C-alpha cells in the first residue's frame, strides 16, 4: 500500500510523546502504522515531538501506535504486529 492510499484511513495522529494531534499538524514525514481491519485498514500517524524534520524509526512508530491503541482498548486481547508501516 502506498502513502496516498493509506492517508484516507488515518484514524489517529500522535507524536512520539503520546500527545494526540490533529491531522492538519501531520508533517509529510510522519510514519503511518496500520492494521488491516476486515475490508478497510486503520492507520495511526506518528511523528517526532521534538523535531518534526526527524523521521521516527519503524520500531518507534509501531511502539507508539500500539501504546495509544492499547490505552483505548482497540485490540481484542494481545496487540498484534502492524500490517503496514509506511
PDB file of N, CA and C in Angstrom:
ATOM      1  N   UNK A   1       0.846  -1.171   0.000  1.00  0.00           N
ATOM      2  CA  UNK A   1       0.000   0.000   0.000  1.00  0.00           C
ATOM      3  C   UNK A   1       0.895   1.238   0.000  1.00  0.00           C
ATOM      4  N   UNK A   2       0.501   2.211  -0.788  1.00  0.00           N
ATOM      5  CA  UNK A   2       1.257   3.461  -0.869  1.00  0.00           C
ATOM      6  C   UNK A   2       0.664   4.496   0.077  1.00  0.00           C
ATOM      7  N   UNK A   3       1.471   5.486   0.403  1.00  0.00           N
ATOM      8  CA  UNK A   3       1.087   6.538   1.345  1.00  0.00           C
ATOM      9  C   UNK A   3      -0.224   7.219   0.927  1.00  0.00           C
ATOM     10  N   UNK A   4      -0.366   7.507  -0.349  1.00  0.00           N
ATOM     11  CA  UNK A   4      -1.568   8.187  -0.837  1.00  0.00           C
ATOM     12  C   UNK A   4      -2.814   7.335  -0.610  1.00  0.00           C
ATOM     13  N   UNK A   5      -2.666   6.026  -0.706  1.00  0.00           N
ATOM     14  CA  UNK A   5      -3.790   5.121  -0.477  1.00  0.00           C
ATOM     15  C   UNK A   5      -4.130   5.016   1.005  1.00  0.00           C
ATOM     16  N   UNK A   6      -3.128   5.136   1.869  1.00  0.00           N
ATOM     17  CA  UNK A   6      -3.323   4.979   3.310  1.00  0.00           C
ATOM     18  C   UNK A   6      -3.887   6.229   3.983  1.00  0.00           C
ATOM     19  N   UNK A   7      -3.586   7.388   3.452  1.00  0.00           N
ATOM     20  CA  UNK A   7      -3.949   8.649   4.093  1.00  0.00           C
ATOM     21  C   UNK A   7      -5.441   8.758   4.452  1.00  0.00           C
ATOM     22  N   UNK A   8      -6.372   8.355   3.593  1.00  0.00           N
ATOM     23  CA  UNK A   8      -7.784   8.470   3.970  1.00  0.00           C
ATOM     24  C   UNK A   8      -8.183   7.599   5.174  1.00  0.00           C
ATOM     25  N   UNK A   9      -7.351   6.629   5.500  1.00  0.00           N
ATOM     26  CA  UNK A   9      -7.673   5.701   6.584  1.00  0.00           C
ATOM     27  C   UNK A   9      -6.982   6.045   7.905  1.00  0.00           C
ATOM     28  N   UNK A  10      -6.405   7.236   8.004  1.00  0.00           N
ATOM     29  CA  UNK A  10      -5.768   7.660   9.262  1.00  0.00           C
ATOM     30  C   UNK A  10      -6.862   7.970  10.274  1.00  0.00           C
ATOM     31  N   UNK A  11      -6.831   7.255  11.391  1.00  0.00           N
ATOM     32  CA  UNK A  11      -7.831   7.444  12.444  1.00  0.00           C
ATOM     33  C   UNK A  11      -7.289   8.258  13.603  1.00  0.00           C
ATOM     34  N   UNK A  12      -5.986   8.167  13.840  1.00  0.00           N
ATOM     35  CA  UNK A  12      -5.356   8.876  14.951  1.00  0.00           C
ATOM     36  C   UNK A  12      -4.043   9.485  14.493  1.00  0.00           C
ATOM     37  N   UNK A  13      -3.736  10.644  15.043  1.00  0.00           N
ATOM     38  CA  UNK A  13      -2.446  11.294  14.824  1.00  0.00           C
ATOM     39  C   UNK A  13      -1.842  11.527  16.189  1.00  0.00           C
ATOM     40  N   UNK A  14      -0.579  11.149  16.328  1.00  0.00           N
ATOM     41  CA  UNK A  14       0.050  11.219  17.647  1.00  0.00           C
ATOM     42  C   UNK A  14       1.539  11.482  17.485  1.00  0.00           C
ATOM     43  N   UNK A  15       2.101  12.242  18.410  1.00  0.00           N
ATOM     44  CA  UNK A  15       3.546  12.417  18.378  1.00  0.00           C
ATOM     45  C   UNK A  15       4.183  11.364  19.274  1.00  0.00           C
ATOM     46  N   UNK A  16       5.488  11.256  19.220  1.00  0.00           N
ATOM     47  CA  UNK A  16       6.172  10.201  19.970  1.00  0.00           C
ATOM     48  C   UNK A  16       6.220  10.442  21.477  1.00  0.00           C
ATOM     49  N   UNK A  17       5.617  11.544  21.941  1.00  0.00           N
ATOM     50  CA  UNK A  17       5.449  11.789  23.378  1.00  0.00           C
ATOM     51  C   UNK A  17       4.016  11.449  23.797  1.00  0.00           C
ATOM     52  N   UNK A  18       3.299  10.748  22.913  1.00  0.00           N
ATOM     53  CA  UNK A  18       1.922  10.301  23.115  1.00  0.00           C
ATOM     54  C   UNK A  18       0.916  11.440  23.205  1.00  0.00           C
ATOM     55  N   UNK A  19       1.234  12.549  22.568  1.00  0.00           N
ATOM     56  CA  UNK A  19       0.299  13.672  22.502  1.00  0.00           C
ATOM     57  C   UNK A  19      -0.568  13.540  21.267  1.00  0.00           C
ATOM     58  N   UNK A  20      -1.886  13.486  21.476  1.00  0.00           N
ATOM     59  CA  UNK A  20      -2.787  13.372  20.335  1.00  0.00           C
ATOM     60  C   UNK A  20      -2.826  14.693  19.586  1.00  0.00           C
ATOM     61  N   UNK A  21      -2.774  14.604  18.281  1.00  0.00           N
ATOM     62  CA  UNK A  21      -2.685  15.790  17.430  1.00  0.00           C
ATOM     63  C   UNK A  21      -3.753  15.750  16.348  1.00  0.00           C
ATOM     64  N   UNK A  22      -3.880  16.850  15.638  1.00  0.00           N
ATOM     65  CA  UNK A  22      -4.802  16.946  14.512  1.00  0.00           C
ATOM     66  C   UNK A  22      -4.103  16.470  13.246  1.00  0.00           C
ATOM     67  N   UNK A  23      -4.874  15.942  12.322  1.00  0.00           N
ATOM     68  CA  UNK A  23      -4.289  15.523  11.048  1.00  0.00           C
ATOM     69  C   UNK A  23      -3.699  16.723  10.308  1.00  0.00           C
ATOM     70  N   UNK A  24      -4.213  17.917  10.586  1.00  0.00           N
ATOM     71  CA  UNK A  24      -3.660  19.126   9.968  1.00  0.00           C
ATOM     72  C   UNK A  24      -2.234  19.416  10.439  1.00  0.00           C
ATOM     73  N   UNK A  25      -1.840  18.865  11.608  1.00  0.00           N
ATOM     74  CA  UNK A  25      -0.495  19.044  12.150  1.00  0.00           C
ATOM     75  C   UNK A  25       0.505  18.047  11.576  1.00  0.00           C
ATOM     76  N   UNK A  26       0.026  17.044  10.860  1.00  0.00           N
ATOM     77  CA  UNK A  26       0.872  15.942  10.416  1.00  0.00           C
ATOM     78  C   UNK A  26       1.924  16.397   9.401  1.00  0.00           C
ATOM     79  N   UNK A  27       3.221  16.181   9.723  1.00  0.00           N
ATOM     80  CA  UNK A  27       4.261  16.509   8.748  1.00  0.00           C
ATOM     81  C   UNK A  27       4.312  15.454   7.639  1.00  0.00           C
ATOM     82  N   UNK A  28       4.908  15.809   6.542  1.00  0.00           N
ATOM     83  CA  UNK A  28       4.994  14.909   5.388  1.00  0.00           C
ATOM     84  C   UNK A  28       5.792  13.636   5.687  1.00  0.00           C
ATOM     85  N   UNK A  29       6.662  13.693   6.696  1.00  0.00           N
ATOM     86  CA  UNK A  29       7.497  12.522   7.004  1.00  0.00           C
ATOM     87  C   UNK A  29       6.934  11.656   8.134  1.00  0.00           C
ATOM     88  N   UNK A  30       5.695  11.881   8.528  1.00  0.00           N
ATOM     89  CA  UNK A  30       5.076  11.059   9.582  1.00  0.00           C
ATOM     90  C   UNK A  30       5.020   9.607   9.129  1.00  0.00           C
ATOM     91  N   UNK A  31       5.246   8.706  10.060  1.00  0.00           N
ATOM     92  CA  UNK A  31       5.094   7.275   9.781  1.00  0.00           C
ATOM     93  C   UNK A  31       3.623   6.931   9.885  1.00  0.00           C
ATOM     94  N   UNK A  32       3.148   6.113   8.987  1.00  0.00           N
ATOM     95  CA  UNK A  32       1.775   5.626   9.035  1.00  0.00           C
ATOM     96  C   UNK A  32       1.831   4.155   9.412  1.00  0.00           C
ATOM     97  N   UNK A  33       1.281   3.846  10.575  1.00  0.00           N
ATOM     98  CA  UNK A  33       1.298   2.482  11.102  1.00  0.00           C
ATOM     99  C   UNK A  33      -0.125   1.952  10.993  1.00  0.00           C
ATOM    100  N   UNK A  34      -0.296   0.830  10.292  1.00  0.00           N
ATOM    101  CA  UNK A  34      -1.647   0.368  10.017  1.00  0.00           C
ATOM    102  C   UNK A  34      -1.903  -1.093  10.285  1.00  0.00           C
ATOM    103  N   UNK A  35      -3.172  -1.357  10.560  1.00  0.00           N
ATOM    104  CA  UNK A  35      -3.664  -2.709  10.754  1.00  0.00           C
ATOM    105  C   UNK A  35      -4.825  -2.917   9.800  1.00  0.00           C
ATOM    106  N   UNK A  36      -4.878  -4.080   9.195  1.00  0.00           N
ATOM    107  CA  UNK A  36      -5.984  -4.415   8.308  1.00  0.00           C
ATOM    108  C   UNK A  36      -7.159  -4.864   9.166  1.00  0.00           C
ATOM    109  N   UNK A  37      -8.284  -4.186   9.033  1.00  0.00           N
ATOM    110  CA  UNK A  37      -9.482  -4.475   9.832  1.00  0.00           C
ATOM    111  C   UNK A  37     -10.597  -4.881   8.884  1.00  0.00           C
ATOM    112  N   UNK A  38     -10.669  -6.142   8.562  1.00  0.00           N
ATOM    113  CA  UNK A  38     -11.658  -6.573   7.586  1.00  0.00           C
ATOM    114  C   UNK A  38     -11.303  -6.034   6.218  1.00  0.00           C
ATOM    115  N   UNK A  39     -12.233  -5.308   5.619  1.00  0.00           N
ATOM    116  CA  UNK A  39     -12.011  -4.790   4.270  1.00  0.00           C
ATOM    117  C   UNK A  39     -11.212  -3.497   4.235  1.00  0.00           C
ATOM    118  N   UNK A  40     -11.189  -2.768   5.339  1.00  0.00           N
ATOM    119  CA  UNK A  40     -10.506  -1.471   5.355  1.00  0.00           C
ATOM    120  C   UNK A  40      -9.397  -1.455   6.398  1.00  0.00           C
ATOM    121  N   UNK A  41      -8.296  -0.793   6.089  1.00  0.00           N
ATOM    122  CA  UNK A  41      -7.230  -0.644   7.081  1.00  0.00           C
ATOM    123  C   UNK A  41      -7.529   0.509   8.037  1.00  0.00           C
ATOM    124  N   UNK A  42      -6.807   0.553   9.131  1.00  0.00           N
ATOM    125  CA  UNK A  42      -6.875   1.655  10.090  1.00  0.00           C
ATOM    126  C   UNK A  42      -5.435   2.071  10.363  1.00  0.00           C
ATOM    127  N   UNK A  43      -5.149   3.367  10.237  1.00  0.00           N
ATOM    128  CA  UNK A  43      -3.786   3.862  10.401  1.00  0.00           C
ATOM    129  C   UNK A  43      -3.681   4.852  11.548  1.00  0.00           C
ATOM    130  N   UNK A  44      -2.516   4.821  12.186  1.00  0.00           N
ATOM    131  CA  UNK A  44      -2.127   5.814  13.185  1.00  0.00           C
ATOM    132  C   UNK A  44      -0.906   6.531  12.604  1.00  0.00           C
ATOM    133  N   UNK A  45      -0.979   7.845  12.510  1.00  0.00           N
ATOM    134  CA  UNK A  45       0.160   8.646  12.045  1.00  0.00           C
ATOM    135  C   UNK A  45       1.013   9.010  13.259  1.00  0.00           C
ATOM    136  N   UNK A  46       2.319   8.800  13.158  1.00  0.00           N
ATOM    137  CA  UNK A  46       3.241   9.041  14.278  1.00  0.00           C
ATOM    138  C   UNK A  46       4.403   9.891  13.789  1.00  0.00           C
ATOM    139  N   UNK A  47       4.760  10.917  14.579  1.00  0.00           N
ATOM    140  CA  UNK A  47       5.914  11.743  14.242  1.00  0.00           C
ATOM    141  C   UNK A  47       6.607  12.220  15.503  1.00  0.00           C
ATOM    142  N   UNK A  48       7.768  12.828  15.324  1.00  0.00           N
ATOM    143  CA  UNK A  48       8.603  13.279  16.439  1.00  0.00           C
ATOM    144  C   UNK A  48       8.045  14.547  17.077  1.00  0.00           C
ATOM    145  N   UNK A  49       7.959  14.539  18.376  1.00  0.00           N
ATOM    146  CA  UNK A  49       7.504  15.694  19.147  1.00  0.00           C
ATOM    147  C   UNK A  49       8.565  16.793  19.155  1.00  0.00           C
ATOM    148  N   UNK A  50       9.820  16.398  19.314  1.00  0.00           N
ATOM    149  CA  UNK A  50      10.898  17.371  19.472  1.00  0.00           C
ATOM    150  C   UNK A  50      11.360  17.990  18.165  1.00  0.00           C
ATOM    151  N   UNK A  51      11.385  17.212  17.105  1.00  0.00           N
ATOM    152  CA  UNK A  51      11.912  17.717  15.841  1.00  0.00           C
ATOM    153  C   UNK A  51      11.126  17.115  14.689  1.00  0.00           C
ATOM    154  N   UNK A  52      10.220  17.892  14.135  1.00  0.00           N
ATOM    155  CA  UNK A  52       9.353  17.399  13.065  1.00  0.00           C
ATOM    156  C   UNK A  52      10.122  17.032  11.799  1.00  0.00           C
ATOM    157  N   UNK A  53      11.368  17.483  11.681  1.00  0.00           N
ATOM    158  CA  UNK A  53      12.154  17.136  10.499  1.00  0.00           C
ATOM    159  C   UNK A  53      12.787  15.751  10.615  1.00  0.00           C
ATOM    160  N   UNK A  54      12.782  15.176  11.808  1.00  0.00           N
ATOM    161  CA  UNK A  54      13.344  13.843  12.040  1.00  0.00           C
ATOM    162  C   UNK A  54      12.236  12.811  11.874  1.00  0.00           C
ATOM    163  N   UNK A  55      12.493  11.813  11.071  1.00  0.00           N
ATOM    164  CA  UNK A  55      11.510  10.742  10.880  1.00  0.00           C
ATOM    165  C   UNK A  55      11.754   9.653  11.916  1.00  0.00           C
ATOM    166  N   UNK A  56      10.718   9.320  12.674  1.00  0.00           N
ATOM    167  CA  UNK A  56      10.872   8.278  13.695  1.00  0.00           C
ATOM    168  C   UNK A  56      11.076   6.932  13.008  1.00  0.00           C
ATOM    169  N   UNK A  57      11.738   6.022  13.692  1.00  0.00           N
ATOM    170  CA  UNK A  57      12.010   4.697  13.123  1.00  0.00           C
ATOM    171  C   UNK A  57      10.719   3.883  13.050  1.00  0.00           C
ATOM    172  N   UNK A  58      10.747   2.847  12.241  1.00  0.00           N
ATOM    173  CA  UNK A  58       9.597   1.947  12.136  1.00  0.00           C
ATOM    174  C   UNK A  58       9.236   1.373  13.505  1.00  0.00           C
ATOM    175  N   UNK A  59      10.245   0.913  14.228  1.00  0.00           N
ATOM    176  CA  UNK A  59      10.020   0.298  15.535  1.00  0.00           C
ATOM    177  C   UNK A  59       9.402   1.288  16.523  1.00  0.00           C
ATOM    178  N   UNK A  60       9.950   2.495  16.582  1.00  0.00           N
ATOM    179  CA  UNK A  60       9.410   3.512  17.490  1.00  0.00           C
ATOM    180  C   UNK A  60       7.974   3.867  17.135  1.00  0.00           C
ATOM    181  N   UNK A  61       7.711   4.037  15.845  1.00  0.00           N
ATOM    182  CA  UNK A  61       6.363   4.391  15.403  1.00  0.00           C
ATOM    183  C   UNK A  61       5.368   3.292  15.769  1.00  0.00           C
ATOM    184  N   UNK A  62       5.756   2.053  15.559  1.00  0.00           N
ATOM    185  CA  UNK A  62       4.853   0.952  15.889  1.00  0.00           C
ATOM    186  C   UNK A  62       4.617   0.874  17.394  1.00  0.00           C
ATOM    187  N   UNK A  63       5.654   1.060  18.199  1.00  0.00           N
ATOM    188  CA  UNK A  63       5.504   1.038  19.660  1.00  0.00           C
ATOM    189  C   UNK A  63       4.554   2.129  20.146  1.00  0.00           C
ATOM    190  N   UNK A  64       4.707   3.329  19.611  1.00  0.00           N
ATOM    191  CA  UNK A  64       3.835   4.448  19.993  1.00  0.00           C
ATOM    192  C   UNK A  64       2.396   4.155  19.584  1.00  0.00           C
ATOM    193  N   UNK A  65       2.204   3.660  18.364  1.00  0.00           N
ATOM    194  CA  UNK A  65       0.856   3.347  17.882  1.00  0.00           C
ATOM    195  C   UNK A  65       0.202   2.265  18.740  1.00  0.00           C
ATOM    196  N   UNK A  66       0.955   1.240  19.071  1.00  0.00           N
ATOM    197  CA  UNK A  66       0.407   0.159  19.904  1.00  0.00           C
ATOM    198  C   UNK A  66       0.035   0.700  21.287  1.00  0.00           C
ATOM    199  N   UNK A  67       0.879   1.553  21.866  1.00  0.00           N
ATOM    200  CA  UNK A  67       0.577   2.110  23.195  1.00  0.00           C
ATOM    201  C   UNK A  67      -0.745   2.866  23.201  1.00  0.00           C
ATOM    202  N   UNK A  68      -0.975   3.718  22.208  1.00  0.00           N
ATOM    203  CA  UNK A  68      -2.205   4.502  22.186  1.00  0.00           C
ATOM    204  C   UNK A  68      -3.412   3.608  21.929  1.00  0.00           C
ATOM    205  N   UNK A  69      -3.251   2.616  21.071  1.00  0.00           N
ATOM    206  CA  UNK A  69      -4.374   1.719  20.801  1.00  0.00           C
ATOM    207  C   UNK A  69      -4.673   0.804  21.988  1.00  0.00           C
ATOM    208  N   UNK A  70      -3.648   0.402  22.709  1.00  0.00           N
ATOM    209  CA  UNK A  70      -3.868  -0.380  23.932  1.00  0.00           C
ATOM    210  C   UNK A  70      -4.615   0.457  24.961  1.00  0.00           C
ATOM    211  N   UNK A  71      -4.224   1.709  25.113  1.00  0.00           N
ATOM    212  CA  UNK A  71      -4.887   2.600  26.068  1.00  0.00           C
ATOM    213  C   UNK A  71      -6.366   2.780  25.725  1.00  0.00           C
ATOM    214  N   UNK A  72      -6.678   2.704  24.453  1.00  0.00           N
ATOM    215  CA  UNK A  72      -8.074   2.845  24.001  1.00  0.00           C
ATOM    216  C   UNK A  72      -8.782   1.501  23.890  1.00  0.00           C
ATOM    217  N   UNK A  73      -8.087   0.436  24.289  1.00  0.00           N
ATOM    218  CA  UNK A  73      -8.631  -0.924  24.249  1.00  0.00           C
ATOM    219  C   UNK A  73      -9.101  -1.306  22.843  1.00  0.00           C
ATOM    220  N   UNK A  74      -8.306  -0.939  21.868  1.00  0.00           N
ATOM    221  CA  UNK A  74      -8.649  -1.211  20.478  1.00  0.00           C
ATOM    222  C   UNK A  74      -8.441  -2.684  20.123  1.00  0.00           C
ATOM    223  N   UNK A  75      -7.418  -3.292  20.684  1.00  0.00           N
ATOM    224  CA  UNK A  75      -7.132  -4.699  20.402  1.00  0.00           C
ATOM    225  C   UNK A  75      -8.062  -5.585  21.227  1.00  0.00           C
ATOM    226  N   UNK A  76      -8.510  -6.665  20.638  1.00  0.00           N
ATOM    227  CA  UNK A  76      -9.274  -7.646  21.425  1.00  0.00           C
ATOM    228  C   UNK A  76      -8.265  -8.715  21.853  1.00  0.00           C
ATOM    229  N   UNK A  77      -7.717  -8.529  23.029  1.00  0.00           N
ATOM    230  CA  UNK A  77      -6.661  -9.417  23.504  1.00  0.00           C
ATOM    231  C   UNK A  77      -5.307  -8.754  23.366  1.00  0.00           C
ATOM    232  N   UNK A  78      -4.300  -9.559  23.106  1.00  0.00           N
ATOM    233  CA  UNK A  78      -2.940  -9.057  22.963  1.00  0.00           C
ATOM    234  C   UNK A  78      -2.783  -8.263  21.667  1.00  0.00           C
ATOM    235  N   UNK A  79      -1.955  -7.207  21.694  1.00  0.00           N
ATOM    236  CA  UNK A  79      -1.715  -6.432  20.465  1.00  0.00           C
ATOM    237  C   UNK A  79      -1.081  -7.309  19.380  1.00  0.00           C
ATOM    238  N   UNK A  80      -1.425  -7.032  18.168  1.00  0.00           N
ATOM    239  CA  UNK A  80      -0.838  -7.752  17.030  1.00  0.00           C
ATOM    240  C   UNK A  80       0.135  -6.823  16.323  1.00  0.00           C
ATOM    241  N   UNK A  81       1.120  -7.384  15.657  1.00  0.00           N
ATOM    242  CA  UNK A  81       2.049  -6.542  14.905  1.00  0.00           C
ATOM    243  C   UNK A  81       1.300  -5.774  13.806  1.00  0.00           C
ATOM    244  N   UNK A  82       1.814  -4.618  13.469  1.00  0.00           N
ATOM    245  CA  UNK A  82       1.208  -3.814  12.406  1.00  0.00           C
ATOM    246  C   UNK A  82       1.322  -4.545  11.070  1.00  0.00           C
ATOM    247  N   UNK A  83       0.308  -4.374  10.256  1.00  0.00           N
ATOM    248  CA  UNK A  83       0.324  -4.951   8.911  1.00  0.00           C
ATOM    249  C   UNK A  83       1.058  -4.047   7.933  1.00  0.00           C
ATOM    250  N   UNK A  84       1.074  -2.754   8.234  1.00  0.00           N
ATOM    251  CA  UNK A  84       1.723  -1.769   7.362  1.00  0.00           C
ATOM    252  C   UNK A  84       2.511  -0.773   8.204  1.00  0.00           C
ATOM    253  N   UNK A  85       3.686  -0.400   7.743  1.00  0.00           N
ATOM    254  CA  UNK A  85       4.417   0.748   8.264  1.00  0.00           C
ATOM    255  C   UNK A  85       4.938   1.489   7.046  1.00  0.00           C
ATOM    256  N   UNK A  86       4.392   2.670   6.861  1.00  0.00           N
ATOM    257  CA  UNK A  86       4.722   3.457   5.655  1.00  0.00           C
ATOM    258  C   UNK A  86       5.433   4.716   6.093  1.00  0.00           C
TER     259      UNK A  86
END
